[in-house]
N, C-alpha and C. Protein backbone atom coordinates (compact mmCIF):
# COMPACT_ATOMS: atom_id res chain seq x y z
N GLU A 1 160.23 -30.39 164.73
CA GLU A 1 160.72 -29.72 163.53
C GLU A 1 161.81 -30.59 162.90
N PRO A 2 161.83 -30.70 161.59
CA PRO A 2 162.88 -31.49 160.92
C PRO A 2 164.27 -30.92 161.20
N LEU A 3 165.26 -31.77 161.01
CA LEU A 3 166.64 -31.42 161.33
C LEU A 3 167.15 -30.21 160.57
N TYR A 4 166.98 -30.19 159.26
CA TYR A 4 167.60 -29.12 158.46
C TYR A 4 167.13 -27.73 158.86
N PRO A 5 165.83 -27.48 159.05
CA PRO A 5 165.43 -26.14 159.51
C PRO A 5 166.04 -25.77 160.86
N GLN A 6 166.20 -26.76 161.74
CA GLN A 6 166.84 -26.49 163.03
C GLN A 6 168.31 -26.10 162.83
N LEU A 7 168.99 -26.83 161.94
CA LEU A 7 170.40 -26.52 161.67
C LEU A 7 170.55 -25.11 161.12
N LYS A 8 169.67 -24.72 160.20
CA LYS A 8 169.77 -23.40 159.57
C LYS A 8 169.59 -22.27 160.60
N LYS A 9 168.88 -22.55 161.70
CA LYS A 9 168.67 -21.53 162.73
C LYS A 9 169.81 -21.50 163.75
N SER A 10 170.69 -22.48 163.69
CA SER A 10 171.74 -22.62 164.70
C SER A 10 172.99 -21.83 164.32
N ARG A 11 173.64 -21.27 165.32
CA ARG A 11 174.93 -20.61 165.09
C ARG A 11 176.07 -21.61 165.09
N LEU A 12 175.85 -22.76 165.78
CA LEU A 12 176.92 -23.74 165.93
C LEU A 12 176.32 -25.10 166.27
N LEU A 13 176.78 -26.13 165.56
CA LEU A 13 176.39 -27.50 165.89
C LEU A 13 177.51 -28.11 166.71
N ILE A 14 177.13 -28.79 167.79
CA ILE A 14 178.08 -29.57 168.58
C ILE A 14 177.76 -31.03 168.31
N GLY A 15 178.73 -31.76 167.73
CA GLY A 15 178.52 -33.17 167.42
C GLY A 15 179.38 -34.05 168.29
N THR A 16 178.76 -35.07 168.87
CA THR A 16 179.49 -35.94 169.80
C THR A 16 179.80 -37.31 169.22
N TYR A 17 179.36 -37.56 168.00
CA TYR A 17 179.71 -38.80 167.31
C TYR A 17 179.45 -38.61 165.82
N ASN A 18 180.02 -39.48 165.02
CA ASN A 18 179.90 -39.40 163.58
C ASN A 18 178.49 -39.80 163.19
N SER A 19 177.66 -38.81 162.87
CA SER A 19 176.24 -39.06 162.63
C SER A 19 175.77 -38.37 161.36
N THR A 20 174.55 -38.69 160.97
CA THR A 20 173.95 -38.03 159.82
C THR A 20 173.82 -36.54 160.07
N ALA A 21 173.48 -36.14 161.26
CA ALA A 21 173.35 -34.71 161.58
C ALA A 21 174.67 -33.98 161.36
N VAL A 22 175.77 -34.60 161.76
CA VAL A 22 177.09 -34.01 161.56
C VAL A 22 177.39 -33.87 160.08
N LEU A 23 177.15 -34.93 159.32
CA LEU A 23 177.41 -34.89 157.88
C LEU A 23 176.54 -33.85 157.19
N GLU A 24 175.28 -33.76 157.58
CA GLU A 24 174.39 -32.76 156.98
C GLU A 24 174.82 -31.34 157.33
N ALA A 25 175.24 -31.14 158.56
CA ALA A 25 175.70 -29.81 158.96
C ALA A 25 176.95 -29.41 158.19
N LEU A 26 177.91 -30.31 158.10
CA LEU A 26 179.14 -30.01 157.35
C LEU A 26 178.83 -29.75 155.89
N ALA A 27 178.00 -30.59 155.29
CA ALA A 27 177.66 -30.43 153.87
C ALA A 27 176.88 -29.13 153.64
N SER A 28 176.12 -28.69 154.64
CA SER A 28 175.34 -27.46 154.53
C SER A 28 176.11 -26.23 154.98
N ASN A 29 177.36 -26.43 155.33
CA ASN A 29 178.24 -25.34 155.77
C ASN A 29 177.74 -24.66 157.04
N ILE A 30 177.22 -25.46 157.96
CA ILE A 30 176.80 -24.98 159.28
C ILE A 30 178.02 -25.08 160.19
N PRO A 31 178.42 -23.99 160.86
CA PRO A 31 179.56 -24.09 161.77
C PRO A 31 179.38 -25.26 162.74
N SER A 32 180.42 -26.08 162.85
CA SER A 32 180.34 -27.32 163.62
C SER A 32 181.61 -27.56 164.41
N VAL A 33 181.44 -27.93 165.66
CA VAL A 33 182.55 -28.39 166.49
C VAL A 33 182.19 -29.81 166.89
N LEU A 34 183.08 -30.72 166.59
CA LEU A 34 182.84 -32.14 166.81
C LEU A 34 183.83 -32.67 167.83
N PHE A 35 183.39 -33.61 168.64
CA PHE A 35 184.34 -34.30 169.50
C PHE A 35 183.90 -35.74 169.66
N TRP A 36 184.86 -36.61 169.52
CA TRP A 36 184.64 -38.01 169.84
C TRP A 36 185.97 -38.67 170.11
N ASP A 37 185.91 -39.67 170.96
CA ASP A 37 187.08 -40.43 171.37
C ASP A 37 187.48 -41.36 170.24
N PRO A 38 188.69 -41.22 169.69
CA PRO A 38 189.10 -42.09 168.59
C PRO A 38 189.15 -43.57 168.98
N ALA A 39 189.27 -43.87 170.27
CA ALA A 39 189.25 -45.27 170.70
C ALA A 39 187.85 -45.87 170.57
N CYS A 40 186.83 -45.03 170.58
CA CYS A 40 185.45 -45.50 170.48
C CYS A 40 184.91 -45.42 169.05
N TRP A 41 185.50 -44.56 168.23
CA TRP A 41 185.01 -44.35 166.87
C TRP A 41 186.15 -44.59 165.90
N GLU A 42 186.24 -45.82 165.44
CA GLU A 42 187.31 -46.22 164.54
C GLU A 42 187.16 -45.52 163.18
N VAL A 43 188.30 -45.16 162.61
CA VAL A 43 188.33 -44.50 161.31
C VAL A 43 189.11 -45.38 160.35
N ARG A 44 188.54 -45.58 159.15
CA ARG A 44 189.25 -46.34 158.12
C ARG A 44 190.55 -45.62 157.78
N PRO A 45 191.60 -46.36 157.44
CA PRO A 45 192.90 -45.74 157.12
C PRO A 45 192.80 -44.67 156.03
N GLU A 46 191.98 -44.91 155.00
CA GLU A 46 191.89 -43.92 153.92
C GLU A 46 191.16 -42.64 154.36
N ALA A 47 190.43 -42.70 155.46
CA ALA A 47 189.75 -41.52 155.98
C ALA A 47 190.62 -40.71 156.94
N GLN A 48 191.67 -41.31 157.43
CA GLN A 48 192.50 -40.68 158.45
C GLN A 48 193.03 -39.30 158.06
N PRO A 49 193.56 -39.11 156.83
CA PRO A 49 194.04 -37.76 156.48
C PRO A 49 192.95 -36.70 156.54
N PHE A 50 191.73 -37.06 156.18
CA PHE A 50 190.62 -36.11 156.23
C PHE A 50 190.28 -35.76 157.67
N MET A 51 190.32 -36.76 158.55
CA MET A 51 190.04 -36.53 159.96
C MET A 51 191.13 -35.66 160.58
N GLU A 52 192.37 -35.92 160.22
CA GLU A 52 193.47 -35.11 160.74
C GLU A 52 193.35 -33.66 160.30
N SER A 53 192.87 -33.44 159.10
CA SER A 53 192.65 -32.08 158.63
C SER A 53 191.56 -31.39 159.45
N LEU A 54 190.50 -32.13 159.78
CA LEU A 54 189.45 -31.57 160.64
C LEU A 54 190.01 -31.25 162.03
N ILE A 55 190.90 -32.08 162.53
CA ILE A 55 191.52 -31.83 163.84
C ILE A 55 192.41 -30.59 163.77
N ARG A 56 193.24 -30.50 162.74
CA ARG A 56 194.17 -29.35 162.62
C ARG A 56 193.43 -28.01 162.56
N THR A 57 192.25 -28.01 162.00
CA THR A 57 191.52 -26.75 161.83
C THR A 57 190.52 -26.46 162.95
N GLY A 58 190.44 -27.35 163.94
CA GLY A 58 189.57 -27.09 165.09
C GLY A 58 188.13 -27.52 164.89
N ILE A 59 187.86 -28.27 163.83
CA ILE A 59 186.50 -28.78 163.64
C ILE A 59 186.29 -30.01 164.52
N LEU A 60 187.28 -30.89 164.58
CA LEU A 60 187.18 -32.14 165.33
C LEU A 60 188.17 -32.13 166.49
N TRP A 61 187.68 -32.56 167.65
CA TRP A 61 188.48 -32.65 168.87
C TRP A 61 188.34 -34.06 169.43
N THR A 62 189.34 -34.49 170.19
CA THR A 62 189.32 -35.85 170.74
C THR A 62 188.86 -35.90 172.20
N THR A 63 188.63 -34.75 172.80
CA THR A 63 188.08 -34.72 174.16
C THR A 63 187.01 -33.64 174.26
N PRO A 64 186.01 -33.86 175.09
CA PRO A 64 184.98 -32.83 175.25
C PRO A 64 185.54 -31.56 175.91
N GLU A 65 186.56 -31.71 176.75
CA GLU A 65 187.14 -30.53 177.41
C GLU A 65 187.79 -29.60 176.39
N LYS A 66 188.58 -30.17 175.49
CA LYS A 66 189.25 -29.34 174.46
C LYS A 66 188.23 -28.75 173.50
N ALA A 67 187.22 -29.54 173.15
CA ALA A 67 186.15 -29.01 172.29
C ALA A 67 185.43 -27.86 173.00
N GLY A 68 185.18 -28.03 174.30
CA GLY A 68 184.53 -26.98 175.07
C GLY A 68 185.36 -25.71 175.14
N ASP A 69 186.66 -25.85 175.31
CA ASP A 69 187.55 -24.68 175.30
C ASP A 69 187.45 -23.95 173.96
N HIS A 70 187.42 -24.72 172.88
CA HIS A 70 187.32 -24.12 171.54
C HIS A 70 185.98 -23.42 171.38
N VAL A 71 184.90 -24.06 171.81
CA VAL A 71 183.58 -23.43 171.72
C VAL A 71 183.57 -22.12 172.50
N ASN A 72 184.14 -22.12 173.69
CA ASN A 72 184.19 -20.89 174.48
C ASN A 72 184.98 -19.80 173.76
N ALA A 73 186.05 -20.19 173.07
CA ALA A 73 186.89 -19.21 172.36
C ALA A 73 186.18 -18.61 171.15
N ILE A 74 185.29 -19.36 170.51
CA ILE A 74 184.64 -18.87 169.29
C ILE A 74 183.19 -18.47 169.51
N ALA A 75 182.67 -18.64 170.72
CA ALA A 75 181.23 -18.50 171.00
C ALA A 75 180.64 -17.16 170.59
N LYS A 76 181.40 -16.09 170.72
CA LYS A 76 180.85 -14.77 170.39
C LYS A 76 180.42 -14.70 168.93
N ASP A 77 181.24 -15.25 168.04
CA ASP A 77 180.91 -15.25 166.61
C ASP A 77 181.59 -16.44 165.93
N PRO A 78 180.95 -17.61 165.97
CA PRO A 78 181.58 -18.81 165.38
C PRO A 78 181.95 -18.65 163.91
N SER A 79 181.25 -17.80 163.19
CA SER A 79 181.54 -17.65 161.76
C SER A 79 182.91 -17.03 161.50
N LEU A 80 183.43 -16.26 162.44
CA LEU A 80 184.79 -15.70 162.25
C LEU A 80 185.81 -16.82 162.11
N TRP A 81 185.67 -17.84 162.92
CA TRP A 81 186.54 -19.02 162.81
C TRP A 81 186.14 -19.87 161.61
N TRP A 82 184.85 -20.16 161.48
CA TRP A 82 184.35 -21.09 160.48
C TRP A 82 184.66 -20.63 159.05
N ASP A 83 184.62 -19.35 158.82
CA ASP A 83 184.80 -18.82 157.46
C ASP A 83 186.27 -18.67 157.06
N GLN A 84 187.18 -19.02 157.94
CA GLN A 84 188.59 -18.97 157.57
C GLN A 84 188.85 -19.94 156.42
N GLU A 85 189.72 -19.56 155.51
CA GLU A 85 189.99 -20.35 154.31
C GLU A 85 190.43 -21.78 154.65
N ARG A 86 191.33 -21.93 155.63
CA ARG A 86 191.83 -23.27 155.93
C ARG A 86 190.76 -24.16 156.55
N VAL A 87 189.85 -23.57 157.34
CA VAL A 87 188.75 -24.33 157.92
C VAL A 87 187.78 -24.77 156.83
N GLN A 88 187.44 -23.84 155.94
CA GLN A 88 186.54 -24.17 154.84
C GLN A 88 187.15 -25.20 153.89
N GLU A 89 188.43 -25.10 153.65
CA GLU A 89 189.08 -26.07 152.77
C GLU A 89 189.03 -27.48 153.37
N ALA A 90 189.30 -27.59 154.67
CA ALA A 90 189.22 -28.89 155.34
C ALA A 90 187.80 -29.43 155.27
N ARG A 91 186.82 -28.58 155.52
CA ARG A 91 185.42 -28.99 155.45
C ARG A 91 185.05 -29.46 154.05
N LYS A 92 185.44 -28.69 153.06
CA LYS A 92 185.10 -29.04 151.67
C LYS A 92 185.75 -30.36 151.26
N GLN A 93 187.00 -30.55 151.60
CA GLN A 93 187.68 -31.79 151.23
C GLN A 93 187.00 -32.99 151.91
N PHE A 94 186.65 -32.84 153.17
CA PHE A 94 185.95 -33.90 153.87
C PHE A 94 184.60 -34.19 153.20
N CYS A 95 183.85 -33.14 152.92
CA CYS A 95 182.52 -33.31 152.33
C CYS A 95 182.60 -33.89 150.92
N ASP A 96 183.60 -33.48 150.15
CA ASP A 96 183.75 -34.04 148.80
C ASP A 96 183.91 -35.55 148.85
N ARG A 97 184.50 -36.04 149.91
CA ARG A 97 184.76 -37.48 150.02
C ARG A 97 183.67 -38.24 150.78
N PHE A 98 183.07 -37.59 151.81
CA PHE A 98 182.18 -38.32 152.70
C PHE A 98 180.77 -37.75 152.85
N ALA A 99 180.52 -36.56 152.33
CA ALA A 99 179.20 -35.95 152.52
C ALA A 99 178.81 -35.09 151.32
N THR A 100 178.97 -35.64 150.16
CA THR A 100 178.68 -34.90 148.94
C THR A 100 177.20 -34.64 148.79
N ILE A 101 176.89 -33.41 148.44
CA ILE A 101 175.51 -33.04 148.11
C ILE A 101 175.52 -32.63 146.64
N SER A 102 174.61 -33.22 145.90
CA SER A 102 174.57 -32.94 144.48
C SER A 102 173.13 -33.02 143.98
N ARG A 103 172.77 -32.13 143.09
CA ARG A 103 171.44 -32.20 142.49
C ARG A 103 171.31 -33.47 141.65
N GLY A 104 172.42 -33.94 141.11
CA GLY A 104 172.40 -35.14 140.28
C GLY A 104 172.77 -36.39 141.05
N TRP A 105 172.39 -36.44 142.33
CA TRP A 105 172.80 -37.55 143.19
C TRP A 105 172.34 -38.90 142.65
N ALA A 106 171.14 -38.98 142.10
CA ALA A 106 170.63 -40.28 141.63
C ALA A 106 171.48 -40.82 140.49
N SER A 107 171.88 -39.94 139.61
CA SER A 107 172.73 -40.35 138.49
C SER A 107 174.10 -40.81 138.99
N HIS A 108 174.67 -40.08 139.94
CA HIS A 108 175.97 -40.46 140.51
C HIS A 108 175.89 -41.83 141.18
N TRP A 109 174.82 -42.05 141.96
CA TRP A 109 174.64 -43.34 142.62
C TRP A 109 174.49 -44.46 141.60
N SER A 110 173.71 -44.20 140.57
CA SER A 110 173.49 -45.21 139.54
C SER A 110 174.80 -45.62 138.88
N VAL A 111 175.61 -44.63 138.52
CA VAL A 111 176.91 -44.92 137.89
C VAL A 111 177.78 -45.73 138.85
N GLU A 112 177.84 -45.33 140.10
CA GLU A 112 178.69 -46.03 141.07
C GLU A 112 178.20 -47.45 141.32
N LEU A 113 176.90 -47.62 141.47
CA LEU A 113 176.37 -48.96 141.70
C LEU A 113 176.63 -49.87 140.50
N ARG A 114 176.48 -49.35 139.31
CA ARG A 114 176.79 -50.16 138.11
C ARG A 114 178.27 -50.54 138.08
N ARG A 115 179.13 -49.60 138.45
CA ARG A 115 180.56 -49.88 138.49
C ARG A 115 180.86 -51.00 139.49
N LEU A 116 180.24 -50.91 140.66
CA LEU A 116 180.47 -51.93 141.69
C LEU A 116 179.95 -53.29 141.26
N VAL A 117 178.78 -53.32 140.65
CA VAL A 117 178.20 -54.59 140.20
C VAL A 117 179.06 -55.20 139.11
N SER A 118 179.57 -54.39 138.20
CA SER A 118 180.40 -54.94 137.12
C SER A 118 181.73 -55.47 137.63
N ALA A 119 182.15 -55.03 138.81
CA ALA A 119 183.41 -55.51 139.39
C ALA A 119 183.26 -56.84 140.12
N ILE A 120 182.04 -57.28 140.34
CA ILE A 120 181.81 -58.55 141.05
C ILE A 120 182.10 -59.70 140.08
N PRO A 121 183.00 -60.59 140.47
CA PRO A 121 183.30 -61.72 139.58
C PRO A 121 182.10 -62.66 139.46
N PRO A 122 181.89 -63.21 138.27
CA PRO A 122 180.77 -64.15 138.12
C PRO A 122 180.96 -65.38 139.00
N SER A 123 179.87 -65.93 139.49
CA SER A 123 179.99 -67.11 140.35
C SER A 123 179.68 -68.37 139.60
């Protein structure tokens, strides 16, 4: 079965590394608990504030043990945690920057690619 139908049937996604499945789940507003070791998964400096926001709200954890404790705490009804305003705000801010979904995606890509090409100095 394709990924998206599986995600829609899930109460909670557990992500162990920064992957397409994680980005799709976050963009689709699927409750997600993520954990990965920051020593193994480097984050660009401009992404750090977004990652810290995910950490503060319990979406991202740096150890599987802490992530597991959080999963156990929310397991009965993950949506009670997930639907909190601060959790949703962190998710939305992250997705706006790193996992945008848009019906006009082709137009957005075209504009961005043209911008990037025009910034290349002539050789």
